[in-house]
């Protein structure tokens, strides 16, 4: 993940699968990442934390949209 002018690397994650889709939340601090194998993960930019949320699905996942309401 690079900043908007590509002058600084913000975060880096190694994935074993191709990224099928991703979406950033309205605060701009988390990115939902959907891998080609159906794994859904969250990348928290402030802490550079990467969490796997779901690993399997009963049907094909075609897209993902993520939004966390603010308090």
N, C-alpha and C. Protein backbone atom coordinates (compact mmCIF):
# COMPACT_ATOMS: atom_id res chain seq x y z
N UNK A 1 0.85 -1.16 0.00
CA UNK A 1 0.00 0.00 0.00
C UNK A 1 0.90 1.23 0.00
N UNK A 2 0.74 2.07 -1.00
CA UNK A 2 1.54 3.28 -1.13
C UNK A 2 0.66 4.51 -0.90
N UNK A 3 1.28 5.62 -0.50
CA UNK A 3 0.51 6.86 -0.38
C UNK A 3 0.13 7.35 -1.77
N UNK A 4 -0.66 8.41 -1.85
CA UNK A 4 -1.25 8.83 -3.13
C UNK A 4 -0.26 9.25 -4.20
N UNK A 5 0.93 9.72 -3.82
CA UNK A 5 1.91 10.10 -4.84
C UNK A 5 3.04 9.07 -4.98
N UNK A 6 2.86 7.90 -4.37
CA UNK A 6 3.79 6.76 -4.45
C UNK A 6 5.19 7.08 -3.93
N UNK A 7 5.30 8.04 -3.02
CA UNK A 7 6.60 8.40 -2.47
C UNK A 7 6.91 7.66 -1.17
N UNK A 8 5.92 7.02 -0.57
CA UNK A 8 6.11 6.35 0.72
C UNK A 8 5.29 5.07 0.78
N UNK A 9 5.94 3.98 1.20
CA UNK A 9 5.25 2.72 1.43
C UNK A 9 4.54 2.81 2.78
N UNK A 10 3.22 2.66 2.78
CA UNK A 10 2.43 2.79 4.01
C UNK A 10 2.34 1.47 4.74
N UNK A 11 2.09 0.39 4.03
CA UNK A 11 1.94 -0.92 4.65
C UNK A 11 2.19 -1.99 3.60
N UNK A 12 2.62 -3.16 4.06
CA UNK A 12 2.91 -4.26 3.15
C UNK A 12 2.42 -5.56 3.77
N UNK A 13 1.75 -6.38 2.95
CA UNK A 13 1.24 -7.68 3.40
C UNK A 13 1.56 -8.71 2.34
N UNK A 14 2.06 -9.86 2.76
CA UNK A 14 2.31 -10.97 1.84
C UNK A 14 1.09 -11.88 1.83
N UNK A 15 0.52 -12.08 0.66
CA UNK A 15 -0.65 -12.95 0.51
C UNK A 15 -0.25 -14.16 -0.31
N UNK A 16 -0.87 -15.30 -0.01
CA UNK A 16 -0.61 -16.51 -0.79
C UNK A 16 -1.56 -16.64 -1.97
N UNK A 17 -2.51 -15.71 -2.08
CA UNK A 17 -3.51 -15.74 -3.13
C UNK A 17 -3.60 -14.39 -3.82
N UNK A 18 -4.12 -14.41 -5.01
CA UNK A 18 -4.38 -13.19 -5.77
C UNK A 18 -5.50 -12.39 -5.09
N UNK A 19 -5.38 -11.07 -5.06
CA UNK A 19 -6.43 -10.21 -4.51
C UNK A 19 -7.54 -10.10 -5.54
N UNK A 20 -8.76 -10.48 -5.13
CA UNK A 20 -9.92 -10.43 -6.02
C UNK A 20 -10.62 -9.09 -5.92
N UNK A 21 -10.63 -8.50 -4.71
CA UNK A 21 -11.31 -7.23 -4.50
C UNK A 21 -10.80 -6.62 -3.19
N UNK A 22 -10.94 -5.31 -3.07
CA UNK A 22 -10.62 -4.65 -1.81
C UNK A 22 -11.44 -3.37 -1.71
N UNK A 23 -11.62 -2.91 -0.48
CA UNK A 23 -12.40 -1.70 -0.25
C UNK A 23 -11.88 -1.06 1.03
N UNK A 24 -11.78 0.26 1.06
CA UNK A 24 -11.30 0.99 2.23
C UNK A 24 -12.50 1.57 2.97
N UNK A 25 -12.45 1.59 4.31
CA UNK A 25 -13.59 2.15 5.06
C UNK A 25 -13.59 3.67 4.98
N UNK A 26 -14.68 4.29 5.43
CA UNK A 26 -14.84 5.73 5.29
C UNK A 26 -13.81 6.53 6.08
N UNK A 27 -13.27 5.96 7.17
CA UNK A 27 -12.24 6.63 7.96
C UNK A 27 -10.87 6.56 7.30
N UNK A 28 -10.72 5.66 6.33
CA UNK A 28 -9.45 5.51 5.64
C UNK A 28 -8.40 4.79 6.45
N UNK A 29 -8.79 4.05 7.50
CA UNK A 29 -7.80 3.39 8.34
C UNK A 29 -7.86 1.87 8.27
N UNK A 30 -8.84 1.29 7.56
CA UNK A 30 -8.91 -0.16 7.40
C UNK A 30 -9.28 -0.50 5.96
N UNK A 31 -8.70 -1.59 5.48
CA UNK A 31 -8.99 -2.07 4.15
C UNK A 31 -9.45 -3.52 4.25
N UNK A 32 -10.60 -3.83 3.66
CA UNK A 32 -11.07 -5.20 3.56
C UNK A 32 -10.47 -5.78 2.28
N UNK A 33 -9.87 -6.97 2.39
CA UNK A 33 -9.21 -7.61 1.26
C UNK A 33 -9.85 -8.97 1.03
N UNK A 34 -10.37 -9.20 -0.17
CA UNK A 34 -10.93 -10.49 -0.55
C UNK A 34 -9.95 -11.17 -1.49
N UNK A 35 -9.46 -12.34 -1.09
CA UNK A 35 -8.53 -13.10 -1.92
C UNK A 35 -9.30 -13.98 -2.90
N UNK A 36 -8.62 -14.43 -3.93
CA UNK A 36 -9.24 -15.25 -4.97
C UNK A 36 -9.78 -16.57 -4.41
N UNK A 37 -9.22 -17.05 -3.31
CA UNK A 37 -9.70 -18.31 -2.72
C UNK A 37 -10.87 -18.10 -1.76
N UNK A 38 -11.39 -16.86 -1.64
CA UNK A 38 -12.54 -16.59 -0.79
C UNK A 38 -12.19 -16.14 0.62
N UNK A 39 -10.92 -16.00 0.94
CA UNK A 39 -10.52 -15.53 2.26
C UNK A 39 -10.76 -14.03 2.38
N UNK A 40 -11.41 -13.61 3.46
CA UNK A 40 -11.66 -12.21 3.73
C UNK A 40 -10.79 -11.77 4.89
N UNK A 41 -10.00 -10.71 4.69
CA UNK A 41 -9.07 -10.22 5.70
C UNK A 41 -9.23 -8.72 5.86
N UNK A 42 -8.79 -8.19 7.01
CA UNK A 42 -8.79 -6.76 7.28
C UNK A 42 -7.36 -6.29 7.52
N UNK A 43 -6.97 -5.22 6.86
CA UNK A 43 -5.67 -4.59 7.06
C UNK A 43 -5.92 -3.27 7.77
N UNK A 44 -5.41 -3.15 9.00
CA UNK A 44 -5.52 -1.90 9.76
C UNK A 44 -4.26 -1.09 9.50
N UNK A 45 -4.41 0.04 8.83
CA UNK A 45 -3.25 0.83 8.40
C UNK A 45 -2.51 1.48 9.55
N UNK A 46 -3.22 1.95 10.58
CA UNK A 46 -2.56 2.62 11.71
C UNK A 46 -1.57 1.71 12.42
N UNK A 47 -1.95 0.45 12.59
CA UNK A 47 -1.10 -0.48 13.34
C UNK A 47 -0.38 -1.48 12.43
N UNK A 48 -0.65 -1.42 11.13
CA UNK A 48 -0.13 -2.40 10.16
C UNK A 48 -0.50 -3.82 10.57
N UNK A 49 -1.67 -3.97 11.16
CA UNK A 49 -2.18 -5.26 11.59
C UNK A 49 -2.99 -5.89 10.47
N UNK A 50 -2.82 -7.19 10.27
CA UNK A 50 -3.55 -7.92 9.23
C UNK A 50 -4.26 -9.08 9.89
N UNK A 51 -5.60 -9.10 9.81
CA UNK A 51 -6.40 -10.13 10.46
C UNK A 51 -7.25 -10.86 9.44
N UNK A 52 -7.21 -12.20 9.50
CA UNK A 52 -8.08 -13.00 8.65
C UNK A 52 -9.43 -13.11 9.36
N UNK A 53 -10.49 -12.69 8.67
CA UNK A 53 -11.84 -12.69 9.25
C UNK A 53 -12.57 -13.98 8.91
N UNK A 54 -12.53 -14.40 7.66
CA UNK A 54 -13.19 -15.64 7.22
C UNK A 54 -12.28 -16.37 6.25
N UNK A 55 -12.26 -17.69 6.39
CA UNK A 55 -11.42 -18.50 5.51
C UNK A 55 -12.21 -19.34 4.51
N UNK A 56 -13.47 -19.57 4.74
CA UNK A 56 -14.20 -20.44 3.82
C UNK A 56 -15.62 -19.93 3.62
N UNK A 57 -16.19 -20.34 2.50
CA UNK A 57 -17.54 -19.91 2.14
C UNK A 57 -18.25 -21.08 1.50
N UNK A 58 -19.57 -21.09 1.57
CA UNK A 58 -20.35 -22.15 0.93
C UNK A 58 -20.59 -21.86 -0.54
N UNK A 59 -20.38 -20.63 -0.95
CA UNK A 59 -20.58 -20.26 -2.34
C UNK A 59 -19.49 -19.26 -2.73
N UNK A 60 -19.36 -18.99 -3.99
CA UNK A 60 -18.33 -18.08 -4.49
C UNK A 60 -18.60 -16.65 -4.04
N UNK A 61 -17.57 -15.95 -3.57
CA UNK A 61 -17.67 -14.54 -3.23
C UNK A 61 -17.21 -13.74 -4.44
N UNK A 62 -18.07 -12.86 -4.93
CA UNK A 62 -17.77 -12.12 -6.15
C UNK A 62 -17.23 -10.73 -5.90
N UNK A 63 -17.55 -10.14 -4.74
CA UNK A 63 -17.12 -8.78 -4.45
C UNK A 63 -17.26 -8.53 -2.96
N UNK A 64 -16.62 -7.46 -2.47
CA UNK A 64 -16.71 -7.11 -1.05
C UNK A 64 -16.77 -5.59 -0.93
N UNK A 65 -17.57 -5.11 0.00
CA UNK A 65 -17.61 -3.70 0.35
C UNK A 65 -17.60 -3.63 1.86
N UNK A 66 -16.78 -2.76 2.43
CA UNK A 66 -16.61 -2.70 3.87
C UNK A 66 -16.79 -1.27 4.35
N UNK A 67 -17.55 -1.11 5.41
CA UNK A 67 -17.73 0.21 5.99
C UNK A 67 -18.01 0.05 7.47
N UNK A 68 -17.30 0.80 8.28
CA UNK A 68 -17.47 0.74 9.73
C UNK A 68 -18.08 2.07 10.18
N UNK A 69 -19.28 2.05 10.77
CA UNK A 69 -19.89 3.31 11.19
C UNK A 69 -19.07 4.00 12.27
N UNK A 70 -19.02 5.31 12.23
CA UNK A 70 -18.28 6.06 13.24
C UNK A 70 -19.19 6.33 14.42
N UNK A 71 -18.57 6.41 15.62
CA UNK A 71 -19.23 6.49 16.87
C UNK A 71 -20.11 7.62 17.13
